[in-house]
Structures are given as structure tokens and as C-alpha cells.
Protein backbone atom coordinates (compact mmCIF):
# COMPACT_ATOMS: atom_id res chain seq x y z
CA UNK A 1 129.02 88.93 116.15
CA UNK A 2 126.11 89.53 118.52
CA UNK A 3 123.08 89.70 116.24
CA UNK A 4 120.71 90.20 119.18
CA UNK A 5 122.46 93.45 120.05
CA UNK A 6 121.98 94.66 116.48
CA UNK A 7 118.29 93.73 116.63
CA UNK A 8 117.90 95.56 119.94
CA UNK A 9 119.27 98.82 118.55
CA UNK A 10 117.33 98.58 115.26
CA UNK A 11 114.07 97.89 117.12
CA UNK A 12 114.54 100.84 119.49
CA UNK A 13 115.29 103.04 116.47
CA UNK A 14 112.11 101.87 114.72
CA UNK A 15 109.82 102.24 117.72
CA UNK A 16 111.42 105.33 119.26
CA UNK A 17 110.69 103.91 122.70
CA UNK A 18 112.62 101.52 124.95
CA UNK A 19 109.51 100.11 126.64
CA UNK A 20 107.72 99.32 123.37
CA UNK A 21 110.91 97.87 121.90
CA UNK A 22 111.41 95.64 124.94
CA UNK A 23 107.89 94.22 124.56
CA UNK A 24 108.50 93.49 120.87
CA UNK A 25 111.79 91.79 121.70
CA UNK A 26 110.36 89.86 124.68
CA UNK A 27 113.01 91.11 127.10
CA UNK A 28 112.85 93.40 130.12
CA UNK A 29 113.24 97.13 129.59
CA UNK A 30 116.20 97.44 132.03
CA UNK A 31 118.04 94.61 130.23
CA UNK A 32 117.47 96.30 126.89
CA UNK A 33 118.66 99.69 128.16
CA UNK A 34 121.77 98.18 129.73
CA UNK A 35 122.64 96.22 126.58
CA UNK A 36 122.49 99.37 124.46
CA UNK A 37 124.48 101.39 127.04
CA UNK A 38 127.18 98.68 126.93
CA UNK A 39 127.34 98.92 123.14
CA UNK A 40 127.54 102.72 123.27
CA UNK A 41 130.39 102.41 125.79
CA UNK A 42 132.17 99.89 123.58
CA UNK A 43 132.09 102.11 120.47
CA UNK A 44 132.71 105.29 122.44
CA UNK A 45 129.73 107.40 121.38
CA UNK A 46 125.97 107.56 122.12
CA UNK A 47 123.65 106.06 119.52
CA UNK A 48 120.47 107.69 120.83
CA UNK A 49 119.54 111.20 121.89
CA UNK A 50 117.52 110.41 125.02
CA UNK A 51 116.55 114.06 125.61
CA UNK A 52 113.98 113.86 122.82
CA UNK A 53 110.57 112.18 122.91
CA UNK A 54 110.32 109.89 121.07
CA UNK A 55 114.04 109.21 121.36
CA UNK A 56 116.02 109.93 118.21
CA UNK A 57 119.17 108.55 116.64
CA UNK A 58 122.39 110.53 116.80
CA UNK A 59 124.46 110.82 113.61
CA UNK A 60 126.50 107.84 114.79
CA UNK A 61 123.29 105.97 115.57
CA UNK A 62 121.93 106.60 112.09
CA UNK A 63 125.09 105.13 110.57
CA UNK A 64 125.03 102.21 113.01
CA UNK A 65 121.40 101.30 112.21
CA UNK A 66 122.01 101.57 108.45
CA UNK A 67 124.77 98.95 108.61
CA UNK A 68 123.05 96.86 111.29
CA UNK A 69 120.01 96.38 109.04
CA UNK A 70 122.22 95.23 106.17
CA UNK A 71 124.11 92.79 108.42
CA UNK A 72 120.86 91.34 109.80
CA UNK A 73 119.45 91.04 106.29
CA UNK A 74 122.54 89.19 105.04
CA UNK A 75 122.43 86.89 108.07
CA UNK A 76 118.76 86.12 107.35
CA UNK A 77 119.64 85.23 103.75
CA UNK A 78 122.46 82.97 104.96
CA UNK A 79 120.14 81.16 107.36
CA UNK A 80 117.59 80.61 104.59
CA UNK A 81 120.28 79.23 102.26
CA UNK A 82 121.37 76.77 104.95
CA UNK A 83 117.77 75.69 105.52
CA UNK A 84 117.78 74.22 102.00
CA UNK A 85 120.55 71.84 103.11
CA UNK A 86 118.87 70.93 106.40
CA UNK A 87 115.69 69.47 104.91
CA UNK A 88 114.41 68.09 108.24
CA UNK A 89 114.48 71.48 109.96
CA UNK A 90 111.17 73.33 110.29
CA UNK A 91 111.11 76.34 107.97
CA UNK A 92 108.80 79.36 108.00
CA UNK A 93 107.45 81.18 104.94
CA UNK A 94 106.09 84.67 105.57
CA UNK A 95 103.81 85.93 102.82
CA UNK A 96 101.44 88.85 102.51
CA UNK A 97 98.34 89.23 100.37
CA UNK A 98 95.55 91.69 99.72
CA UNK A 99 92.51 90.54 101.76
CA UNK A 100 90.38 90.88 98.61
CA UNK A 101 92.11 87.86 97.09
CA UNK A 102 93.21 85.52 99.88
CA UNK A 103 90.06 83.37 99.96
CA UNK A 104 90.05 83.06 96.19
CA UNK A 105 93.75 82.53 95.41
CA UNK A 106 95.26 80.59 98.31
CA UNK A 107 93.18 77.50 99.28
CA UNK A 108 94.10 75.15 96.41
CA UNK A 109 97.82 76.07 96.17
CA UNK A 110 98.20 75.71 99.95
CA UNK A 111 96.46 72.31 99.90
CA UNK A 112 98.89 71.02 97.25
CA UNK A 113 101.83 72.66 99.04
CA UNK A 114 100.96 70.96 102.35
CA UNK A 115 100.81 67.59 100.61
CA UNK A 116 104.16 68.10 98.86
CA UNK A 117 106.29 69.96 101.41
CA UNK A 118 106.94 68.71 104.92
CA UNK A 119 108.21 70.64 107.96
CA UNK A 120 107.11 74.01 106.63
CA UNK A 121 104.91 76.59 108.34
CA UNK A 122 103.22 79.27 106.21
CA UNK A 123 102.37 82.57 107.90
CA UNK A 124 99.84 84.67 105.96
CA UNK A 125 99.37 88.39 106.61
CA UNK A 126 96.38 90.08 105.02
CA UNK A 127 97.29 93.74 104.57
CA UNK A 128 96.28 96.82 102.61
CA UNK A 129 98.23 97.58 99.43
CA UNK A 130 100.25 100.33 101.16
CA UNK A 131 101.13 98.07 104.12
CA UNK A 132 102.10 95.24 101.76
CA UNK A 133 104.43 97.57 99.88
CA UNK A 134 106.01 98.76 103.12
CA UNK A 135 106.42 95.20 104.45
CA UNK A 136 108.17 93.90 101.34
CA UNK A 137 110.41 96.97 101.18
CA UNK A 138 111.46 96.47 104.81
CA UNK A 139 111.98 92.72 104.19
CA UNK A 140 109.39 91.71 106.78
CA UNK A 141 107.90 89.21 104.30
CA UNK A 142 109.39 86.71 101.87
CA UNK A 143 106.93 87.69 99.12
CA UNK A 144 103.55 89.31 98.63
CA UNK A 145 100.54 88.96 96.35
CA UNK A 146 99.52 92.52 95.59
CA UNK A 147 99.91 95.43 93.22
CA UNK A 148 102.90 95.21 90.88
CA UNK A 149 105.83 97.11 92.42
CA UNK A 150 106.88 100.12 90.31
CA UNK A 151 110.61 99.60 91.00
CA UNK A 152 111.48 96.68 88.72
CA UNK A 153 115.19 97.17 89.45
CA UNK A 154 114.93 96.22 93.13
CA UNK A 155 111.83 94.03 93.02
CA UNK A 156 110.86 91.02 90.92
CA UNK A 157 107.22 90.97 89.76
CA UNK A 158 105.50 87.80 88.54
CA UNK A 159 102.24 89.00 86.94
CA UNK A 160 99.14 87.00 87.86
CA UNK A 161 96.27 88.91 86.27
CA UNK A 162 94.98 92.34 85.38
CA UNK A 163 92.33 93.45 87.85
CA UNK A 164 89.21 94.84 86.16
CA UNK A 165 86.58 96.60 88.29
CA UNK A 166 82.85 95.77 88.02
CA UNK A 167 79.65 96.61 89.92
CA UNK A 168 77.99 93.82 91.93
CA UNK A 169 74.23 94.08 92.58
CA UNK A 170 71.23 91.95 93.61
CA UNK A 171 67.65 92.06 92.22
CA UNK A 172 66.90 94.68 94.90
CA UNK A 173 69.14 97.21 93.13
CA UNK A 174 68.96 96.48 89.40
CA UNK A 175 69.77 99.09 86.70
CA UNK A 176 67.01 100.54 84.52
CA UNK A 177 68.11 98.34 81.61
CA UNK A 178 68.43 94.92 83.21
CA UNK A 179 69.74 93.35 80.00
CA UNK A 180 72.61 95.78 79.60
CA UNK A 181 76.13 94.51 80.22
CA UNK A 182 77.35 98.01 81.12
CA UNK A 183 75.90 100.59 83.52
CA UNK A 184 76.34 104.24 84.33
CA UNK A 185 77.39 104.37 87.98
CA UNK A 186 75.38 107.58 88.44
CA UNK A 187 72.24 105.40 88.32
CA UNK A 188 73.25 104.11 91.74
CA UNK A 189 73.81 107.48 93.43
CA UNK A 190 70.96 106.76 95.86
CA UNK A 191 71.81 103.10 96.41
CA UNK A 192 73.41 101.89 99.66
CA UNK A 193 77.04 100.83 99.21
CA UNK A 194 78.98 98.08 100.92
CA UNK A 195 82.55 99.40 101.09
CA UNK A 196 85.94 97.99 101.97
CA UNK A 197 87.82 99.58 104.88
CA UNK A 198 89.69 102.83 104.39
CA UNK A 199 93.29 102.19 103.40
CA UNK A 200 92.45 99.24 101.16
CA UNK A 201 92.87 99.53 97.41
CA UNK A 202 89.14 99.00 96.69
CA UNK A 203 88.14 101.75 99.12
CA UNK A 204 90.05 104.34 97.12
CA UNK A 205 88.91 102.95 93.76
CA UNK A 206 85.24 102.87 94.82
CA UNK A 207 85.27 106.45 96.08
CA UNK A 208 87.13 107.72 93.02
CA UNK A 209 84.65 106.06 90.64
CA UNK A 210 81.64 107.41 92.50
CA UNK A 211 83.09 110.91 92.72
CA UNK A 212 83.88 110.91 88.99
CA UNK A 213 80.21 109.96 88.42
CA UNK A 214 79.08 113.00 90.39
CA UNK A 215 78.17 111.62 93.81
CA UNK A 216 79.51 110.53 97.17
CA UNK A 217 78.68 106.87 97.90
CA UNK A 218 76.10 106.31 100.64
CA UNK A 219 78.07 103.82 102.68
CA UNK A 220 75.95 101.61 104.97
CA UNK A 221 78.54 98.95 105.80
CA UNK A 222 82.34 98.99 105.79
CA UNK A 223 84.19 95.69 106.09
CA UNK A 224 87.68 94.22 105.72
CA UNK A 225 87.04 90.95 103.88
CA UNK A 226 85.72 90.98 100.31
CA UNK A 227 83.95 87.64 100.62
CA UNK A 228 82.01 89.10 103.56
CA UNK A 229 81.11 92.10 101.42
CA UNK A 230 79.83 89.82 98.62
CA UNK A 231 77.64 87.89 101.05
CA UNK A 232 76.24 91.16 102.39
CA UNK A 233 75.40 92.22 98.83
CA UNK A 234 73.64 88.90 98.21
CA UNK A 235 71.62 89.44 101.39
CA UNK A 236 70.37 92.74 99.93
CA UNK A 237 72.36 95.12 102.12
CA UNK A 238 73.63 97.15 99.17
CA UNK A 239 75.81 97.25 96.06
CA UNK A 240 79.59 97.31 95.73
CA UNK A 241 82.51 97.79 93.36
CA UNK A 242 84.63 94.63 93.17
CA UNK A 243 87.37 93.01 91.02
CA UNK A 244 85.86 90.88 88.24
CA UNK A 245 88.09 87.99 89.31
CA UNK A 246 85.91 87.67 92.42
CA UNK A 247 82.65 87.50 90.45
CA UNK A 248 82.54 83.70 90.63
CA UNK A 249 82.84 83.50 94.42
CA UNK A 250 79.17 84.04 95.25
CA UNK A 251 76.20 82.82 93.17
CA UNK A 252 73.03 84.86 92.83
CA UNK A 253 74.62 88.24 92.06
CA UNK A 254 74.58 90.32 88.88
CA UNK A 255 77.80 91.94 87.66
CA UNK A 256 78.00 94.93 85.32
CA UNK A 257 80.86 96.70 83.61
CA UNK A 258 81.04 100.38 84.53
CA UNK A 259 80.87 102.99 81.76
CA UNK A 260 83.78 105.33 81.41
CA UNK A 261 87.42 104.98 82.38
CA UNK A 262 87.53 102.15 84.91
CA UNK A 263 90.91 101.71 86.63
CA UNK A 264 92.74 98.46 86.01
CA UNK A 265 95.65 97.27 88.10
CA UNK A 266 98.05 94.40 87.67
CA UNK A 267 98.22 91.92 90.53
CA UNK A 268 101.59 90.18 90.90
CA UNK A 269 103.70 88.04 93.16
CA UNK A 270 106.40 90.45 94.36
CA UNK A 271 109.70 89.83 96.15
CA UNK A 272 113.02 91.61 96.60
CA UNK A 273 115.69 90.70 94.06
CA UNK A 274 118.34 90.60 96.78
CA UNK A 275 116.35 88.28 99.04
CA UNK A 276 117.16 84.58 99.07
CA UNK A 277 114.08 82.39 98.61
CA UNK A 278 114.20 78.84 99.93
CA UNK A 279 113.21 75.91 97.73
CA UNK A 280 109.94 75.66 99.69
CA UNK A 281 109.18 79.35 99.08
CA UNK A 282 109.88 79.01 95.37
CA UNK A 283 107.59 75.97 95.21
CA UNK A 284 104.73 77.85 96.89
CA UNK A 285 105.17 80.77 94.48
CA UNK A 286 104.99 78.39 91.50
CA UNK A 287 101.81 76.78 92.86
CA UNK A 288 100.14 80.18 93.38
CA UNK A 289 101.13 81.22 89.85
CA UNK A 290 99.81 77.96 88.38
CA UNK A 291 96.58 78.09 90.38
CA UNK A 292 95.85 81.69 89.46
CA UNK A 293 96.47 81.08 85.76
CA UNK A 294 93.93 78.28 85.77
CA UNK A 295 91.28 80.52 87.38
CA UNK A 296 91.91 83.86 85.68
CA UNK A 297 89.12 85.09 83.40
CA UNK A 298 89.70 84.65 79.67
């Protein structure tokens, strides 16, 4: 079976464009077009409606891509199973993680993993919660560290911790009662906020909390990495809503619980139940689980 041909057709279907698909596949556009025309000739029916822009699948093409994805997925699982027998062969682990947690969760487990496991390359993708969910559903990643997946039938969740939200401030922006352990967020309606980028879980949570307290946050900086945000807060740029698990990353900040209903989310290691995980992948998952348990707040 020609797996490349299956990949060609699936990629064109996903991109809706031969030129873009050719770039992703690292082949020339004429070669890609000819390969797909040959396959259409072999099966006796067109797979794509080329009169539309972007190009669309025909009914036959939709059926073809459905089965092609399953065949490619099974072949990927087979290759991963065989990797466990060929211990000297270089293996690749593709994992995704929320950028809020990568600097806090990964360093120690990856250090131990590198010392224990040879010939293994770990590729880390820092993505928003929605992109992580999409990537694991489309089997682009072996596993993710993110929000617990709601479909426990198709996905296996290994809980790491429950994410509680707190307010991080510096002496420049202290609450009226400095000795209080809990604050009313409305006190900070005029304070400058350091926010995470739109699309990230904390962006939505921060805006929802501020809106429920009767104000729109006055955003002065928007960034992607939470450790960067914490350092900006320490420098006096503003205040921010963060997970309490991150409170130990940066010294010199004050952290307060927020009055009212504060959202809590469970962070888990998530992978598809039908996806084969190599011994190396399972070992990395165990190390992340062990490392997080030792750091989680009591």
C-alpha cells in the first residue's frame, strides 16, 4: 500500500489547496497534482471538486479520506509498536502543553528522562487549550498536558492537579486590607492588568472574573508566556490572574484568593485510548505525573 499517496490526498483535503499541501508535504505542486490524478484514474472517480475555491471533496473523496485517515493512524500505531522492539532506533515523542505550565512542570521530568532514555527526541508544542484539544483529537500529538478531556470514553485522563485561580500583585498595587488573604476583584478595577494572549485559557478566565466584578480589565500588556507575565508583575507593570500552582515561580509577589465563585479546572495528562504509546512515552508520562505530584500544593 502506498501510504504517501494517502497522505497526499488527506493533506490536500485538510488544506483545501494543492500549493499549500505541496509545501507541507515537501514535494512539488505538479508532482502532487499528478499523483492524485493517477489515483483518481485508478479508482475511476474524482476525489476533489476543482471548480470550487477552496477545492472540496466529492462524495467519493469524503469516503476515501475517512478510510485513509484510519489506515494512516493504524500504520502509525504499528510503527510505534515496532519501535519498542528496535531499541537502538531513534524515536520521537510529540507532546503538547499549556504554555502556562511548561516552565513549571517539564524541566525536572525531562532531565530525568534524558538520563534514563537514550535515542529519544522530545518535541514540545505549547498551545492554547482549544488547540491542544484539536491536536489530540486529530492524533497530531502522542499526549498533552492540559484541561481534562470531557469524553472519557475516547480519551484517557490522568489527573495532575486542580487549578485554582488567584490574584498576583506587587507592593505598587496592594489591596486596602493588606493582611487579608482574600480580595474583592472590584478593588482593582482601575489597576493595569497583565493579560495572557486571546485564545488561552487564562485570557477567558481573567476577562470573565473581571466582568463578573463589574468592570472591563485595563490591559496594558498581553503576553504568551506566564513566567514572562509574572516577571512583568514583579517589575510593577500591573496585576494579573494566575493559577495558584504558579505562585512559587517568582519571589517578591503577593497572592490573594478572589472573593466569589472562582473557576477551578482540572489539569490532566490526556491521550487517545486507541493510540499506542511507546515504552519511552509511557516513561515520560510517569515522570511528569510523579514530578507534578511532588510539587502540587497541599
